[in-house]
PDB file of N, CA and C in Angstrom:
ATOM      1  N   MET A   1      -5.724 -62.014 129.012  1.00  0.00           N
ATOM      2  CA  MET A   1      -5.383 -61.716 130.039  1.00  0.00           C
ATOM      3  C   MET A   1      -4.723 -59.930 130.279  1.00  0.00           C
ATOM      4  N   PRO A   2      -6.155 -59.529 131.634  1.00  0.00           N
ATOM      5  CA  PRO A   2      -5.703 -58.039 132.268  1.00  0.00           C
ATOM      6  C   PRO A   2      -4.644 -57.623 132.222  1.00  0.00           C
ATOM      7  N   THR A   3      -4.284 -56.527 132.397  1.00  0.00           N
ATOM      8  CA  THR A   3      -2.743 -55.533 132.319  1.00  0.00           C
ATOM      9  C   THR A   3      -3.597 -54.977 133.446  1.00  0.00           C
ATOM     10  N   HIS A   4      -2.106 -54.759 134.392  1.00  0.00           N
ATOM     11  CA  HIS A   4      -2.590 -53.862 135.588  1.00  0.00           C
ATOM     12  C   HIS A   4      -2.072 -52.682 134.984  1.00  0.00           C
ATOM     13  N   GLY A   5      -2.884 -51.765 134.120  1.00  0.00           N
ATOM     14  CA  GLY A   5      -2.600 -50.320 134.063  1.00  0.00           C
ATOM     15  C   GLY A   5      -2.677 -50.299 132.219  1.00  0.00           C
ATOM     16  N   SER A   6      -3.113 -49.127 131.625  1.00  0.00           N
ATOM     17  CA  SER A   6      -2.809 -48.605 130.809  1.00  0.00           C
ATOM     18  C   SER A   6      -1.655 -49.139 129.879  1.00  0.00           C
ATOM     19  N   LEU A   7      -1.571 -49.583 128.552  1.00  0.00           N
ATOM     20  CA  LEU A   7       0.056 -49.412 127.886  1.00  0.00           C
ATOM     21  C   LEU A   7       0.793 -48.620 127.221  1.00  0.00           C
ATOM     22  N   THR A   8      -0.703 -47.327 127.776  1.00  0.00           N
ATOM     23  CA  THR A   8       0.581 -46.307 127.283  1.00  0.00           C
ATOM     24  C   THR A   8       1.047 -45.640 127.909  1.00  0.00           C
ATOM     25  N   LYS A   9       1.243 -45.709 129.437  1.00  0.00           N
ATOM     26  CA  LYS A   9       1.902 -45.308 130.692  1.00  0.00           C
ATOM     27  C   LYS A   9       3.159 -46.198 131.241  1.00  0.00           C
ATOM     28  N   ALA A  10       3.801 -47.499 129.964  1.00  0.00           N
ATOM     29  CA  ALA A  10       4.835 -48.115 129.958  1.00  0.00           C
ATOM     30  C   ALA A  10       5.810 -47.471 129.786  1.00  0.00           C
ATOM     31  N   GLY A  11       6.914 -47.739 130.645  1.00  0.00           N
ATOM     32  CA  GLY A  11       8.183 -47.194 130.537  1.00  0.00           C
ATOM     33  C   GLY A  11       7.939 -45.302 130.835  1.00  0.00           C
ATOM     34  N   LYS A  12       7.873 -44.932 131.741  1.00  0.00           N
ATOM     35  CA  LYS A  12       7.555 -43.693 131.857  1.00  0.00           C
ATOM     36  C   LYS A  12       8.166 -43.794 132.859  1.00  0.00           C
ATOM     37  N   VAL A  13       8.612 -44.063 134.028  1.00  0.00           N
ATOM     38  CA  VAL A  13       9.172 -44.107 135.189  1.00  0.00           C
ATOM     39  C   VAL A  13      10.985 -43.670 134.434  1.00  0.00           C
ATOM     40  N   ARG A  14      11.408 -44.831 133.465  1.00  0.00           N
ATOM     41  CA  ARG A  14      12.562 -45.103 132.711  1.00  0.00           C
ATOM     42  C   ARG A  14      12.884 -44.157 132.199  1.00  0.00           C
ATOM     43  N   SER A  15      11.878 -43.513 131.316  1.00  0.00           N
ATOM     44  CA  SER A  15      12.609 -42.514 130.436  1.00  0.00           C
ATOM     45  C   SER A  15      12.353 -41.259 131.483  1.00  0.00           C
ATOM     46  N   ALA A  16      11.933 -40.675 132.451  1.00  0.00           N
ATOM     47  CA  ALA A  16      12.320 -39.623 133.349  1.00  0.00           C
ATOM     48  C   ALA A  16      13.434 -40.272 134.126  1.00  0.00           C
ATOM     49  N   THR A  17      13.671 -41.343 134.088  1.00  0.00           N
ATOM     50  CA  THR A  17      14.901 -40.885 135.211  1.00  0.00           C
ATOM     51  C   THR A  17      16.407 -40.806 134.658  1.00  0.00           C
ATOM     52  N   PRO A  18      17.254 -39.457 135.059  1.00  0.00           N
ATOM     53  CA  PRO A  18      18.430 -38.944 134.855  1.00  0.00           C
ATOM     54  C   PRO A  18      19.316 -39.657 135.083  1.00  0.00           C
ATOM     55  N   LYS A  19      19.937 -39.800 133.912  1.00  0.00           N
ATOM     56  CA  LYS A  19      21.475 -41.211 133.025  1.00  0.00           C
ATOM     57  C   LYS A  19      22.558 -40.590 134.249  1.00  0.00           C
ATOM     58  N   LEU A  20      23.473 -41.551 134.958  1.00  0.00           N
ATOM     59  CA  LEU A  20      23.868 -41.560 135.670  1.00  0.00           C
ATOM     60  C   LEU A  20      25.311 -41.931 135.136  1.00  0.00           C
ATOM     61  N   GLU A  21      26.257 -41.622 134.935  1.00  0.00           N
ATOM     62  CA  GLU A  21      27.901 -42.104 134.299  1.00  0.00           C
ATOM     63  C   GLU A  21      28.090 -43.543 135.193  1.00  0.00           C
ATOM     64  N   ARG A  22      28.441 -44.293 134.827  1.00  0.00           N
ATOM     65  CA  ARG A  22      28.769 -45.984 134.953  1.00  0.00           C
ATOM     66  C   ARG A  22      29.880 -45.190 135.786  1.00  0.00           C
ATOM     67  N   ARG A  23      29.695 -46.215 137.421  1.00  0.00           N
ATOM     68  CA  ARG A  23      30.787 -45.965 138.254  1.00  0.00           C
ATOM     69  C   ARG A  23      32.299 -47.292 137.679  1.00  0.00           C
ATOM     70  N   PRO A  24      33.706 -46.393 137.718  1.00  0.00           N
ATOM     71  CA  PRO A  24      35.062 -47.650 137.361  1.00  0.00           C
ATOM     72  C   PRO A  24      34.760 -48.629 137.922  1.00  0.00           C
ATOM     73  N   LYS A  25      34.720 -50.100 137.751  1.00  0.00           N
ATOM     74  CA  LYS A  25      35.197 -50.650 138.604  1.00  0.00           C
ATOM     75  C   LYS A  25      36.685 -51.191 139.288  1.00  0.00           C
ATOM     76  N   THR A  26      36.014 -51.420 140.168  1.00  0.00           N
ATOM     77  CA  THR A  26      37.366 -51.743 141.062  1.00  0.00           C
ATOM     78  C   THR A  26      37.819 -53.336 141.230  1.00  0.00           C
ATOM     79  N   ALA A  27      38.982 -53.970 141.333  1.00  0.00           N
ATOM     80  CA  ALA A  27      39.162 -55.223 141.692  1.00  0.00           C
ATOM     81  C   ALA A  27      39.326 -55.771 142.617  1.00  0.00           C
ATOM     82  N   PRO A  28      38.653 -57.090 142.906  1.00  0.00           N
ATOM     83  CA  PRO A  28      39.007 -57.534 144.117  1.00  0.00           C
ATOM     84  C   PRO A  28      40.190 -57.215 144.789  1.00  0.00           C
ATOM     85  N   ILE A  29      40.875 -57.173 146.185  1.00  0.00           N
ATOM     86  CA  ILE A  29      42.091 -57.811 146.491  1.00  0.00           C
ATOM     87  C   ILE A  29      42.572 -58.948 146.590  1.00  0.00           C
ATOM     88  N   PRO A  30      43.815 -59.013 145.916  1.00  0.00           N
ATOM     89  CA  PRO A  30      44.058 -60.652 145.657  1.00  0.00           C
ATOM     90  C   PRO A  30      43.981 -61.485 147.196  1.00  0.00           C
ATOM     91  N   LYS A  31      44.789 -60.519 148.130  1.00  0.00           N
ATOM     92  CA  LYS A  31      44.992 -61.231 148.839  1.00  0.00           C
ATOM     93  C   LYS A  31      43.853 -61.614 149.868  1.00  0.00           C
ATOM     94  N   SER A  32      42.587 -61.357 149.170  1.00  0.00           N
ATOM     95  CA  SER A  32      41.029 -61.595 150.316  1.00  0.00           C
ATOM     96  C   SER A  32      40.847 -62.956 149.316  1.00  0.00           C
ATOM     97  N   GLY A  33      41.138 -62.597 148.050  1.00  0.00           N
ATOM     98  CA  GLY A  33      40.637 -63.879 147.379  1.00  0.00           C
ATOM     99  C   GLY A  33      41.580 -65.587 147.667  1.00  0.00           C
ATOM    100  N   ASN A  34      42.351 -65.325 147.572  1.00  0.00           N
ATOM    101  CA  ASN A  34      43.693 -66.354 148.332  1.00  0.00           C
ATOM    102  C   ASN A  34      43.087 -67.068 149.302  1.00  0.00           C
ATOM    103  N   ARG A  35      43.053 -65.810 150.495  1.00  0.00           N
ATOM    104  CA  ARG A  35      42.407 -66.496 151.821  1.00  0.00           C
ATOM    105  C   ARG A  35      41.159 -67.086 151.648  1.00  0.00           C
ATOM    106  N   LYS A  36      40.611 -67.099 150.944  1.00  0.00           N
ATOM    107  CA  LYS A  36      38.941 -67.457 150.677  1.00  0.00           C
ATOM    108  C   LYS A  36      39.132 -68.561 150.558  1.00  0.00           C
ATOM    109  N   LYS A  37      40.308 -69.259 149.290  1.00  0.00           N
ATOM    110  CA  LYS A  37      40.623 -70.052 148.802  1.00  0.00           C
ATOM    111  C   LYS A  37      41.142 -71.269 149.932  1.00  0.00           C
ATOM    112  N   PHE A  38      42.162 -70.287 150.402  1.00  0.00           N
ATOM    113  CA  PHE A  38      42.853 -70.937 151.848  1.00  0.00           C
ATOM    114  C   PHE A  38      41.286 -71.585 152.551  1.00  0.00           C
ATOM    115  N   ILE A  39      41.175 -71.298 153.362  1.00  0.00           N
ATOM    116  CA  ILE A  39      40.026 -71.428 153.736  1.00  0.00           C
ATOM    117  C   ILE A  39      39.422 -72.539 153.620  1.00  0.00           C
ATOM    118  N   LYS A  40      38.624 -72.484 152.544  1.00  0.00           N
ATOM    119  CA  LYS A  40      38.211 -73.920 151.932  1.00  0.00           C
ATOM    120  C   LYS A  40      39.043 -74.512 151.491  1.00  0.00           C
ATOM    121  N   ARG A  41      39.599 -74.669 151.305  1.00  0.00           N
ATOM    122  CA  ARG A  41      40.962 -75.751 150.501  1.00  0.00           C
ATOM    123  C   ARG A  41      40.867 -76.842 151.645  1.00  0.00           C
ATOM    124  N   PHE A  42      42.143 -75.843 152.986  1.00  0.00           N
ATOM    125  CA  PHE A  42      42.975 -76.460 153.951  1.00  0.00           C
ATOM    126  C   PHE A  42      42.338 -76.453 155.063  1.00  0.00           C
ATOM    127  N   ILE A  43      41.074 -75.846 155.121  1.00  0.00           N
ATOM    128  CA  ILE A  43      40.533 -75.475 156.739  1.00  0.00           C
ATOM    129  C   ILE A  43      39.199 -76.289 156.863  1.00  0.00           C
ATOM    130  N   LEU A  44      38.416 -75.651 155.539  1.00  0.00           N
ATOM    131  CA  LEU A  44      37.065 -76.671 155.348  1.00  0.00           C
ATOM    132  C   LEU A  44      37.315 -77.950 154.842  1.00  0.00           C
ATOM    133  N   GLU A  45      38.786 -78.066 154.413  1.00  0.00           N
ATOM    134  CA  GLU A  45      39.200 -79.261 153.243  1.00  0.00           C
ATOM    135  C   GLU A  45      37.959 -80.059 152.274  1.00  0.00           C
ATOM    136  N   ARG A  46      37.391 -78.742 152.131  1.00  0.00           N
ATOM    137  CA  ARG A  46      36.581 -78.956 150.546  1.00  0.00           C
ATOM    138  C   ARG A  46      37.099 -79.701 149.435  1.00  0.00           C
ATOM    139  N   LYS A  47      36.643 -80.419 148.670  1.00  0.00           N
ATOM    140  CA  LYS A  47      36.596 -81.119 147.414  1.00  0.00           C
ATOM    141  C   LYS A  47      36.374 -79.968 146.124  1.00  0.00           C
ATOM    142  N   SER A  48      37.012 -80.469 145.232  1.00  0.00           N
ATOM    143  CA  SER A  48      37.013 -79.305 143.925  1.00  0.00           C
ATOM    144  C   SER A  48      35.786 -79.695 143.530  1.00  0.00           C
ATOM    145  N   GLY A  49      34.901 -79.021 142.630  1.00  0.00           N
ATOM    146  CA  GLY A  49      33.347 -79.255 142.170  1.00  0.00           C
ATOM    147  C   GLY A  49      32.418 -78.521 142.509  1.00  0.00           C
ATOM    148  N   GLN A  50      31.552 -79.643 142.988  1.00  0.00           N
ATOM    149  CA  GLN A  50      30.571 -79.027 144.244  1.00  0.00           C
ATOM    150  C   GLN A  50      30.844 -78.852 146.021  1.00  0.00           C
ATOM    151  N   ASN A  51      31.328 -77.282 146.055  1.00  0.00           N
ATOM    152  CA  ASN A  51      31.949 -77.335 147.013  1.00  0.00           C
ATOM    153  C   ASN A  51      30.681 -77.179 148.185  1.00  0.00           C
ATOM    154  N   TRP A  52      29.386 -77.356 147.838  1.00  0.00           N
ATOM    155  CA  TRP A  52      28.603 -76.709 149.404  1.00  0.00           C
ATOM    156  C   TRP A  52      28.644 -78.103 150.005  1.00  0.00           C
ATOM    157  N   LEU A  53      28.830 -79.577 149.417  1.00  0.00           N
ATOM    158  CA  LEU A  53      28.531 -80.653 150.539  1.00  0.00           C
ATOM    159  C   LEU A  53      30.302 -81.664 150.608  1.00  0.00           C
ATOM    160  N   ASN A  54      29.902 -81.996 151.650  1.00  0.00           N
ATOM    161  CA  ASN A  54      30.383 -82.279 152.621  1.00  0.00           C
ATOM    162  C   ASN A  54      30.949 -83.657 152.367  1.00  0.00           C
ATOM    163  N   VAL A  55      31.578 -83.938 151.191  1.00  0.00           N
ATOM    164  CA  VAL A  55      32.283 -84.860 150.575  1.00  0.00           C
ATOM    165  C   VAL A  55      33.141 -85.513 150.569  1.00  0.00           C
TER     166      VAL A  55
END
């Protein structure tokens, strides 16, 4: 199976890219998550399990 370029150039861009520090993770606001649950359960009346089905 032919390749799209020589294997001697593999990984060239990744090794040349500067290493960045990871950004600190921020937790989502609990109020927004609870609002989504409320909408899903009471307004849309979805059952537990496969929520994309309106059964």
